[in-house]
């Protein structure tokens, strides 16, 4: 595809949940651990005119769908704020500081005043009929392949409720996600880039956010929206690209869809699992944004900004070099772990355990990926504490690195069982040298006429996951030397 000839243009909107203790406008937990439903709230939502006297097209479209919304409320993760029964509280200062850090990392100008705005959304994802958002940084940039990609804005906003069920005109949402602090980074219009380069840029934006150590990871914590247009066509916004690696495919398929049409209308579409898209509503306009009346503007003096600047985390480019120099990671592995959702956990465990960092990095970057792809292992079931226990056992010599894939595979199916108990049940504890020697002697006795490589293979099949391969090979060679 000649992207220049079709005048391909693209813009990104990257969303990341912040890892704070409390929600953005109240003291409710962001843990998403509550299982006990205490009540359900029923609502209808209506499109109303903005301060300019206009009704937003997207809001009007949702209103005409005439749906009824049901909101599930949980005791520790919801209060009257999420139910839209009382005004919001003061903005979460921890979330604000993280957002300012991210804005500074993107070389943004920080405004003197931060104004909370209401953005009309009546698809049911917010009980109030609007989402609260505030711009914390403007006119920044990100360097990519010796080019500067403009960062139009960095905003701090509240995440939406998560949809549970659709049945006819009734839609059910869980309210515990509503209000979790969310960072949104919007890029300038990108011209002259290929879809795979846009995906790379989205990855770099995520890396910058993760460098704070204060963004959540896992399914549902990251969303990539992308705006796509081609020559003589309208802007199409594609929402909800969950996985970064599928972004370029979504863009490429959308380009082909638009090129095949005689006229492209401005609209919002959503990404399907196969990379195609489907229509969801008209493109919203500026009429849906207006000031929040329940809170005052936040004044930022130079002292506050300088305090945040002094606490800025290590840049990703410097982190790569440190990983290579101090942790002895290869260039490729250093870049892989930096892009991984497990970056923060890797750094924490690399400091805590005397385990070769490359082993831990390989587990996070390759083992988990391979298990998920080849064996459909649900690796998302593993928690940070599971990896802490796993590498703790490895440090103490209770397990060998070769057993890690099997342990993870079984652990994902039994998340309630401790790693130590699982190792014992599977018989994956480390064998003593005497136990290995006994097996080696037995194999050699029964396979005297076989070459060394064959004997090593037979022994390895008997001790796999319970002995270090290099040690096994050493013992086999020593025993064969004694005989011959």
Foldseek 3Di string as FASTA:
>chain_A
DPCVVQFKKKKKKKKFFWFDQAFFFDRAGLPPPFDDFDDKDKDADAFDFFPVRHTWFQRHVLNVLRFMEIETDGDRQDDVVQLVNDFTHDTDPVLLLLLLLLQVLQVFDADQWKFWKWFAARNRQGNVRTWIKIWGTAFGWDDDPNDTWTWGTKMKTWGTWAWDDDDRRYTYTYSNRTRRIMIIIMTDMDTPDALVVVLVVSLLSVLSSCLVVTTADDFPRIWMKMWIDTPQAAIEIETGPGDSVLRSLLRVQVVVVCVPDPYHAAFYWYADPVSYIDGDGHDTDPRRMGGDPRDDIDGDDPVNSVVSVVPRGDRLVVQLVCCCPVLVDDSVLSVQLSSFSCVSLLVVVVVVAPDRSNLVSCCRRPLVVCCCVPVVAPLSLDDSVQVVQVRVCCRVQQWDSQQVSVLSRVCSVVVVDHSVVSCVVVVLTADDPVVLLVLLVVLCVVPVPDDLVVSLVVSCVVQGRHYDSVSSSVSNVVVVVVVD
